[in-house]
Amino acid sequence: MISGNLSGKTVIELGSMIAAPFATHILNQLGAEVIKIEPPAGETTRKLVRGGPSGSYLAFNRGKRSLCLDMATPAGSEAFRRLVASADIVVQNLSPSAARKLGVTFEACNALNPDIVFCHIKGYGAGPLEEQVASNPIAEAATGVMYYNRPEGKPARMGPSYHDQFAGCYAAIAVLSALMSDGAPERRNIEIGLYETGLHIAARDLLGVELKSQLLGRPEQEPSAEFSMPGYGAYQTADGRWMYLVMLTDEHWRRFCLAVGLEPDPELATLRQRRARRPEVEGAVTQRIMSHDYESLASMLGQAGVGFTEVLPLDRVLATPQARAGDKIASFDFGGYAFHAPDLPVPALLRGEGRAVPPPLLGEHSAEILAELGFDGAEIDELVGSGGAVVSDDRAPLWALPRANKAAE
């Protein structure tokens, strides 16, 4: 029995990569049924790793049903129209031109279902760029984030596609708000710009630059003061592990000195004083951290109430006691491999069952969904035979075998 606050709601997703699939992943975790509509080639993240599904696909598509349609065909388009008529929510991140071409617009869907909640995650919101396509690194570059991230001296993307995931979160929030609203069309027609998402994420830094520029009478290019604070950052321990320290206040500094046996210096008691002598302070912190192995240092800092953690590689993250405590991780098998996926961290609101269901094969549920929409057996066979719909082949390997396995055969 499906539980969760969105139990009984049906979401149609036409999503690729991260933003829309992440939004519907959240809605699915909250209890909604998600039907993922994909083109015959499948969505992009199905083929990013050795010709098969990537971590993004595995993480953000589990528990969904896959309906594979060629919506450029009359039969595929008709199947989509029937589905919209019976659904509650549509979430898509098609380009504006593709959305219009396929009839995946609010106007088209609202004509089929006057109660539909429609969310379009796109590159840009209203403005001169609203027809252009944008991706996560484009949003980083255009909103100031990339300017300060220069690992090799030139601006570079952050790594994880956090702007996509923020846009997915904003989309889920907007959908939930629309479901709680009076149902007016303007509340059900939701548009989330990746660029506008980036602006909102950068608000603290943008306003910080404005403040400093006005105080100093000139542009100030450092958005966040904590990055220049002595004692704030990663330091290596005697046994080669990395510890991240957060010392934002004078009290944090006092506790750190007490924990590691640094003699209190009244000339370094305030942040202003420590900044003025930053190389000296950094050298003292580095030396003290390097003089202890990680476990003994962690014990001392923990007892003193100093903020710290180990900088972990990804392969160790889910093995920690904190990650394993409680009901935080769903385990499932897919394609002959075992996976462990973190759930949305609001356990009291999540669905009770179905969280460990793996992501679907391409077209795995096409036939059963078409039958639910009123297509009879002959019509389904004709639709599949004509290429208007695709059903899964559970015998096909999902990933190309690693060379070591091939050599062993």
Protein backbone atom coordinates (compact mmCIF):
# COMPACT_ATOMS: atom_id res chain seq x y z
CA MET A 1 0.00 0.00 0.00
CA ILE A 2 1.53 3.32 -1.08
CA SER A 3 1.80 5.89 1.68
CA GLY A 4 3.08 9.45 1.78
CA ASN A 5 1.35 12.79 1.52
CA LEU A 6 1.12 12.55 -2.28
CA SER A 7 -0.37 9.07 -2.32
CA GLY A 8 -2.95 8.87 -5.10
CA LYS A 9 -1.33 11.58 -7.23
CA THR A 10 0.02 10.73 -10.68
CA VAL A 11 2.98 12.64 -12.08
CA ILE A 12 4.00 12.59 -15.75
CA GLU A 13 7.69 13.28 -16.27
CA LEU A 14 9.28 14.19 -19.57
CA GLY A 15 12.73 14.67 -18.15
CA SER A 16 16.32 14.31 -19.16
CA MET A 17 19.55 14.53 -17.18
CA ILE A 18 18.89 15.86 -13.66
CA ALA A 19 16.54 18.79 -13.02
CA ALA A 20 13.14 17.29 -13.92
CA PRO A 21 14.03 13.72 -12.87
CA PHE A 22 15.23 15.08 -9.51
CA ALA A 23 11.98 17.02 -9.02
CA THR A 24 9.85 13.96 -9.73
CA HIS A 25 12.14 11.81 -7.58
CA ILE A 26 11.19 14.04 -4.64
CA LEU A 27 7.49 13.80 -5.50
CA ASN A 28 7.82 10.02 -5.78
CA GLN A 29 9.51 9.81 -2.38
CA LEU A 30 6.53 11.72 -0.99
CA GLY A 31 4.14 9.08 -2.32
CA ALA A 32 3.23 10.09 -5.88
CA GLU A 33 3.26 7.63 -8.76
CA VAL A 34 5.67 8.87 -11.42
CA ILE A 35 5.33 7.81 -15.05
CA LYS A 36 8.52 8.61 -16.91
CA ILE A 37 7.87 9.19 -20.61
CA GLU A 38 10.97 8.59 -22.73
CA PRO A 39 11.73 8.67 -26.44
CA PRO A 40 12.67 5.41 -28.19
CA ALA A 41 16.37 6.07 -27.59
CA GLY A 42 15.75 6.58 -23.89
CA GLU A 43 16.67 9.62 -21.86
CA THR A 44 20.28 10.80 -21.82
CA THR A 45 21.41 9.42 -18.46
CA ARG A 46 20.58 5.85 -19.54
CA LYS A 47 23.72 5.70 -21.69
CA LEU A 48 26.41 7.74 -19.97
CA VAL A 49 28.53 5.02 -18.31
CA ARG A 50 29.92 2.24 -20.53
CA GLY A 51 26.88 2.57 -22.72
CA GLY A 52 24.52 2.12 -19.78
CA PRO A 53 22.80 3.99 -16.94
CA SER A 54 24.78 6.53 -14.91
CA GLY A 55 24.67 7.31 -11.21
CA SER A 56 22.17 10.09 -11.96
CA TYR A 57 19.77 7.63 -13.57
CA LEU A 58 20.13 5.12 -10.73
CA ALA A 59 19.73 7.71 -7.96
CA PHE A 60 16.87 9.82 -9.28
CA ASN A 61 14.69 7.41 -11.27
CA ARG A 62 14.16 4.51 -8.88
CA GLY A 63 10.55 3.64 -8.19
CA LYS A 64 9.23 5.24 -11.39
CA ARG A 65 7.41 3.53 -14.26
CA SER A 66 8.73 3.89 -17.81
CA LEU A 67 6.45 4.55 -20.76
CA CYS A 68 8.48 4.74 -23.96
CA LEU A 69 6.70 6.68 -26.72
CA ASP A 70 7.59 8.25 -30.02
CA MET A 71 5.50 11.36 -29.50
CA ALA A 72 6.23 12.55 -33.02
CA THR A 73 3.85 9.82 -34.24
CA PRO A 74 0.06 10.24 -34.09
CA ALA A 75 -0.35 7.11 -31.94
CA GLY A 76 2.39 8.14 -29.50
CA SER A 77 0.91 11.63 -29.23
CA GLU A 78 -2.56 10.17 -28.59
CA ALA A 79 -1.21 7.99 -25.79
CA PHE A 80 0.37 11.05 -24.18
CA ARG A 81 -2.88 13.01 -24.48
CA ARG A 82 -4.85 10.23 -22.77
CA LEU A 83 -2.31 10.09 -19.98
CA VAL A 84 -2.48 13.84 -19.36
CA ALA A 85 -6.26 13.67 -19.16
CA SER A 86 -6.02 11.27 -16.21
CA ALA A 87 -2.94 12.65 -14.44
CA ASP A 88 -2.47 15.31 -11.76
CA ILE A 89 0.95 16.80 -12.50
CA VAL A 90 3.26 17.23 -15.49
CA VAL A 91 6.95 18.02 -14.97
CA GLN A 92 9.24 18.48 -17.95
CA ASN A 93 12.58 20.06 -18.85
CA LEU A 94 12.35 20.00 -22.64
CA SER A 95 13.67 22.96 -24.57
CA PRO A 96 10.94 25.56 -25.27
CA SER A 97 10.88 24.68 -28.97
CA ALA A 98 10.71 20.92 -28.34
CA ALA A 99 7.92 21.41 -25.81
CA ARG A 100 5.84 23.32 -28.35
CA LYS A 101 6.58 20.82 -31.12
CA LEU A 102 5.45 17.87 -28.98
CA GLY A 103 2.45 19.65 -27.45
CA VAL A 104 3.91 19.58 -23.95
CA THR A 105 2.86 23.10 -22.96
CA PHE A 106 0.58 24.32 -20.21
CA GLU A 107 -2.00 25.48 -22.75
CA ALA A 108 -2.13 22.08 -24.48
CA CYS A 109 -2.19 20.08 -21.24
CA ASN A 110 -4.70 22.39 -19.56
CA ALA A 111 -7.06 21.95 -22.51
CA LEU A 112 -6.97 18.20 -21.86
CA ASN A 113 -7.15 18.47 -18.07
CA PRO A 114 -8.31 21.76 -16.51
CA ASP A 115 -6.94 20.71 -13.11
CA ILE A 116 -3.44 19.80 -14.24
CA VAL A 117 -0.44 21.23 -12.39
CA PHE A 118 2.21 21.92 -15.01
CA CYS A 119 5.88 22.63 -14.33
CA HIS A 120 8.44 23.50 -17.00
CA ILE A 121 12.08 23.60 -15.87
CA LYS A 122 13.96 25.48 -18.58
CA GLY A 123 17.23 27.28 -19.12
CA TYR A 124 15.96 30.83 -18.61
CA GLY A 125 12.77 32.41 -17.33
CA ALA A 126 11.14 35.50 -18.80
CA GLY A 127 13.59 37.77 -20.62
CA PRO A 128 15.65 38.07 -23.80
CA LEU A 129 17.19 34.60 -23.32
CA GLU A 130 13.99 32.69 -22.54
CA GLU A 131 14.16 30.62 -25.74
CA GLN A 132 17.77 29.58 -25.23
CA VAL A 133 18.92 26.29 -23.73
CA ALA A 134 21.09 26.34 -20.62
CA SER A 135 22.70 23.66 -18.47
CA ASN A 136 24.15 23.53 -14.97
CA PRO A 137 27.61 24.95 -15.85
CA ILE A 138 25.99 27.71 -17.90
CA ALA A 139 24.02 28.76 -14.81
CA GLU A 140 27.19 28.63 -12.70
CA ALA A 141 29.05 30.84 -15.17
CA ALA A 142 26.24 33.36 -15.62
CA THR A 143 25.46 33.86 -11.92
CA GLY A 144 28.93 34.37 -10.47
CA VAL A 145 29.67 30.96 -8.96
CA MET A 146 32.22 29.88 -11.54
CA TYR A 147 34.19 33.13 -11.39
CA TYR A 148 35.61 32.25 -7.98
CA ASN A 149 36.21 28.53 -8.58
CA ARG A 150 39.65 28.39 -10.22
CA PRO A 151 41.38 25.11 -9.32
CA GLU A 152 43.92 25.52 -12.15
CA GLY A 153 43.88 29.29 -12.46
CA LYS A 154 40.89 29.55 -14.79
CA PRO A 155 37.15 29.47 -14.03
CA ALA A 156 35.78 25.92 -13.82
CA ARG A 157 32.48 24.29 -12.95
CA MET A 158 31.96 23.16 -9.38
CA GLY A 159 31.62 19.46 -10.11
CA PRO A 160 28.25 18.19 -8.84
CA SER A 161 25.25 19.61 -10.72
CA TYR A 162 23.83 21.40 -7.72
CA HIS A 163 22.03 24.06 -9.76
CA ASP A 164 20.07 21.32 -11.53
CA GLN A 165 19.16 19.77 -8.19
CA PHE A 166 18.20 23.13 -6.68
CA ALA A 167 15.95 23.74 -9.68
CA GLY A 168 14.39 20.32 -9.08
CA CYS A 169 13.82 21.21 -5.42
CA TYR A 170 12.24 24.53 -6.38
CA ALA A 171 10.02 22.71 -8.86
CA ALA A 172 8.85 20.26 -6.20
CA ILE A 173 8.14 23.14 -3.80
CA ALA A 174 6.17 24.96 -6.49
CA VAL A 175 4.15 21.84 -7.37
CA LEU A 176 3.27 21.26 -3.72
CA SER A 177 2.25 24.92 -3.39
CA ALA A 178 0.07 24.66 -6.50
CA LEU A 179 -1.67 21.57 -5.10
CA MET A 180 -2.47 23.58 -1.95
CA SER A 181 -3.69 26.63 -3.89
CA ASP A 182 -7.10 27.67 -5.18
CA GLY A 183 -6.28 26.00 -8.52
CA ALA A 184 -6.20 29.19 -10.57
CA PRO A 185 -4.42 28.70 -13.92
CA GLU A 186 -1.62 31.09 -13.06
CA ARG A 187 -0.81 29.03 -9.95
CA ARG A 188 -0.83 25.76 -11.89
CA ASN A 189 1.40 27.04 -14.70
CA ILE A 190 4.86 26.87 -13.14
CA GLU A 191 8.07 27.94 -14.85
CA ILE A 192 11.46 27.41 -13.21
CA GLY A 193 14.52 28.94 -14.88
CA LEU A 194 17.89 27.33 -14.22
CA TYR A 195 19.47 30.79 -14.52
CA GLU A 196 16.96 32.32 -12.10
CA THR A 197 17.60 29.41 -9.73
CA GLY A 198 21.29 30.30 -9.87
CA LEU A 199 20.52 33.94 -9.09
CA HIS A 200 18.56 32.96 -5.99
CA ILE A 201 21.29 30.57 -4.82
CA ALA A 202 23.88 33.34 -5.26
CA ALA A 203 21.80 35.98 -3.42
CA ARG A 204 23.99 35.97 -0.31
CA ASP A 205 27.18 36.46 -2.28
CA LEU A 206 25.66 39.00 -4.67
CA LEU A 207 24.44 41.14 -1.80
CA GLY A 208 27.70 40.66 0.05
CA VAL A 209 29.58 42.09 -2.94
CA GLU A 210 27.13 44.99 -3.14
CA LEU A 211 27.61 45.73 0.56
CA LYS A 212 31.41 45.65 0.43
CA SER A 213 31.51 47.70 -2.78
CA GLN A 214 29.43 50.43 -1.18
CA LEU A 215 31.39 50.38 2.07
CA LEU A 216 34.74 50.55 0.26
CA GLY A 217 33.68 52.75 -2.64
CA ARG A 218 34.99 50.22 -5.19
CA PRO A 219 34.09 46.75 -6.45
CA GLU A 220 35.06 44.04 -4.00
CA GLN A 221 35.47 40.64 -5.62
CA GLU A 222 35.54 38.38 -2.56
CA PRO A 223 31.93 37.24 -2.02
CA SER A 224 32.30 35.21 1.19
CA ALA A 225 34.51 36.32 4.05
CA GLU A 226 34.73 32.90 5.71
CA PHE A 227 36.94 31.56 2.93
CA SER A 228 39.73 33.85 4.11
CA MET A 229 39.31 33.06 7.81
CA PRO A 230 42.36 31.47 9.46
CA GLY A 231 41.50 28.00 10.69
CA TYR A 232 38.70 27.52 8.19
CA GLY A 233 39.49 24.80 5.67
CA ALA A 234 41.11 21.40 5.12
CA TYR A 235 44.22 20.30 6.98
CA GLN A 236 46.14 17.02 6.77
CA THR A 237 46.72 14.87 9.84
CA ALA A 238 49.82 12.86 10.73
CA ASP A 239 48.35 9.68 9.22
CA GLY A 240 47.56 11.32 5.87
CA ARG A 241 43.83 11.86 6.37
CA TRP A 242 42.16 15.20 5.79
CA MET A 243 40.17 17.11 8.41
CA TYR A 244 37.94 20.06 7.63
CA LEU A 245 37.79 22.69 10.37
CA VAL A 246 35.17 25.42 10.73
CA MET A 247 36.31 28.29 12.94
CA LEU A 248 33.94 31.18 12.32
CA THR A 249 34.02 32.89 15.70
CA ASP A 250 36.43 33.84 18.46
CA GLU A 251 34.83 31.19 20.66
CA HIS A 252 35.59 28.55 18.02
CA TRP A 253 39.24 29.66 18.06
CA ARG A 254 39.39 29.55 21.84
CA ARG A 255 38.01 26.01 21.91
CA PHE A 256 40.45 24.84 19.24
CA CYS A 257 43.43 26.25 21.15
CA LEU A 258 42.23 24.57 24.34
CA ALA A 259 41.77 21.21 22.56
CA VAL A 260 45.19 21.08 20.87
CA GLY A 261 47.22 22.77 23.62
CA LEU A 262 47.93 26.08 21.89
CA GLU A 263 48.86 28.74 24.47
CA PRO A 264 46.19 31.50 24.35
CA ASP A 265 47.62 34.65 22.76
CA PRO A 266 45.71 37.84 23.61
CA GLU A 267 47.07 39.30 20.34
CA LEU A 268 45.14 36.62 18.40
CA ALA A 269 41.92 36.65 20.42
CA THR A 270 39.78 38.37 17.79
CA LEU A 271 39.09 37.50 14.17
CA ARG A 272 40.45 40.87 13.05
CA GLN A 273 43.72 40.13 14.82
CA ARG A 274 43.98 36.65 13.38
CA ARG A 275 43.30 37.88 9.87
CA ALA A 276 46.04 40.46 10.19
CA ARG A 277 48.46 37.63 11.03
CA ARG A 278 46.87 35.00 8.80
CA PRO A 279 50.10 33.20 7.67
CA GLU A 280 51.22 32.81 11.27
CA VAL A 281 47.82 31.46 12.39
CA GLU A 282 47.54 29.12 9.43
CA GLY A 283 51.00 27.80 10.13
CA ALA A 284 50.16 27.13 13.78
CA VAL A 285 46.91 25.33 12.88
CA THR A 286 48.62 23.27 10.18
CA GLN A 287 51.41 22.25 12.56
CA ARG A 288 49.04 21.23 15.35
CA ILE A 289 46.85 19.17 13.01
CA MET A 290 49.87 17.48 11.44
CA SER A 291 51.21 16.50 14.86
CA HIS A 292 48.26 14.15 15.61
CA ASP A 293 46.70 11.17 13.88
CA TYR A 294 43.08 11.67 12.82
CA GLU A 295 41.35 9.58 15.49
CA SER A 296 43.15 11.10 18.47
CA LEU A 297 42.63 14.61 17.09
CA ALA A 298 38.94 13.91 16.45
CA SER A 299 38.55 12.82 20.06
CA MET A 300 40.16 15.99 21.39
CA LEU A 301 38.24 18.36 19.13
CA GLY A 302 34.95 16.56 19.73
CA GLN A 303 35.28 16.89 23.50
CA ALA A 304 36.06 20.59 23.13
CA GLY A 305 33.06 21.25 20.86
CA VAL A 306 35.10 22.23 17.81
CA GLY A 307 33.35 21.92 14.43
CA PHE A 308 35.13 19.42 12.20
CA THR A 309 34.71 16.37 10.00
CA GLU A 310 36.84 14.12 7.87
CA VAL A 311 37.03 14.91 4.17
CA LEU A 312 35.76 11.61 2.78
CA PRO A 313 36.09 10.06 -0.66
CA LEU A 314 32.79 8.98 -2.16
CA ASP A 315 33.43 5.26 -1.69
CA ARG A 316 33.52 5.69 2.10
CA VAL A 317 30.57 8.04 2.62
CA LEU A 318 27.77 5.47 2.96
CA ALA A 319 29.82 3.21 5.23
CA THR A 320 29.92 5.69 8.13
CA PRO A 321 27.82 5.01 11.26
CA GLN A 322 25.94 8.29 10.79
CA ALA A 323 24.94 7.40 7.24
CA ARG A 324 23.86 3.91 8.32
CA ALA A 325 21.85 5.01 11.36
CA GLY A 326 18.06 5.04 10.98
CA ASP A 327 16.08 4.59 7.79
CA LYS A 328 18.10 6.81 5.44
CA ILE A 329 19.23 4.50 2.67
CA ALA A 330 17.31 2.26 0.26
CA SER A 331 19.08 -0.81 -1.14
CA PHE A 332 18.15 -2.38 -4.47
CA ASP A 333 19.52 -4.58 -7.24
CA PHE A 334 19.62 -3.40 -10.83
CA GLY A 335 21.26 -4.97 -13.85
CA GLY A 336 22.96 -7.58 -11.70
CA TYR A 337 24.58 -5.05 -9.37
CA ALA A 338 23.76 -3.92 -5.82
CA PHE A 339 23.14 -0.24 -5.05
CA HIS A 340 22.47 1.84 -1.94
CA ALA A 341 20.67 5.16 -2.46
CA PRO A 342 20.08 7.88 0.16
CA ASP A 343 16.44 8.88 0.58
CA LEU A 344 14.92 12.32 1.04
CA PRO A 345 15.84 13.27 4.65
CA VAL A 346 12.27 13.70 5.91
CA PRO A 347 11.43 10.14 6.98
CA ALA A 348 8.06 10.97 8.55
CA LEU A 349 6.76 12.26 5.20
CA LEU A 350 8.06 9.51 2.92
CA ARG A 351 6.14 6.68 1.33
CA GLY A 352 6.21 3.52 3.40
CA GLU A 353 6.70 1.10 0.51
CA GLY A 354 8.34 1.18 -2.87
CA ARG A 355 11.44 3.16 -1.93
CA ALA A 356 13.67 0.15 -2.65
CA VAL A 357 12.17 -0.41 -6.12
CA PRO A 358 14.93 -0.06 -8.74
CA PRO A 359 14.70 2.35 -11.66
CA PRO A 360 12.81 1.01 -14.66
CA LEU A 361 14.18 -0.48 -17.83
CA LEU A 362 13.38 1.54 -20.94
CA GLY A 363 9.72 0.89 -21.73
CA GLU A 364 9.38 -1.59 -18.87
CA HIS A 365 5.81 -0.47 -18.14
CA SER A 366 4.73 0.64 -21.62
CA ALA A 367 2.25 -2.18 -22.23
CA GLU A 368 0.59 -2.04 -18.82
CA ILE A 369 0.27 1.76 -18.84
CA LEU A 370 -1.19 1.72 -22.34
CA ALA A 371 -3.70 -0.89 -21.18
CA GLU A 372 -4.61 1.33 -18.23
CA LEU A 373 -5.25 4.15 -20.71
CA GLY A 374 -7.80 2.02 -22.58
CA PHE A 375 -5.73 0.61 -25.43
CA ASP A 376 -6.69 -2.99 -26.13
CA GLY A 377 -4.20 -5.75 -26.89
CA ALA A 378 -4.39 -5.36 -30.65
CA GLU A 379 -3.92 -1.59 -30.42
CA ILE A 380 -0.90 -2.02 -28.15
CA ASP A 381 0.64 -4.53 -30.54
CA GLU A 382 0.05 -2.18 -33.44
CA LEU A 383 1.48 0.77 -31.51
CA VAL A 384 4.61 -1.18 -30.60
CA GLY A 385 4.94 -2.68 -34.08
CA SER A 386 4.76 0.74 -35.72
CA GLY A 387 7.42 2.18 -33.42
CA GLY A 388 5.00 4.51 -31.67
CA ALA A 389 5.81 2.77 -28.38
CA VAL A 390 8.68 0.63 -27.15
CA VAL A 391 8.62 -2.21 -24.64
CA SER A 392 11.65 -3.29 -22.64
CA ASP A 393 14.03 -6.08 -23.45
CA ASP A 394 15.05 -7.52 -20.08
CA ARG A 395 17.64 -9.79 -21.74
CA ALA A 396 19.77 -6.95 -23.09
CA PRO A 397 22.85 -6.10 -20.99
CA LEU A 398 22.73 -2.63 -19.50
CA TRP A 399 26.46 -1.91 -19.42
CA ALA A 400 29.39 -2.96 -21.56
CA LEU A 401 31.45 -5.44 -19.57
CA PRO A 402 34.73 -4.20 -18.09
CA ARG A 403 37.82 -5.43 -19.96
CA ALA A 404 38.88 -7.64 -17.07
CA ASN A 405 35.61 -9.56 -17.27
CA LYS A 406 35.85 -9.87 -21.03
CA ALA A 407 39.37 -11.25 -20.75
CA ALA A 408 38.19 -13.83 -18.25
CA GLU A 409 35.48 -15.18 -20.55
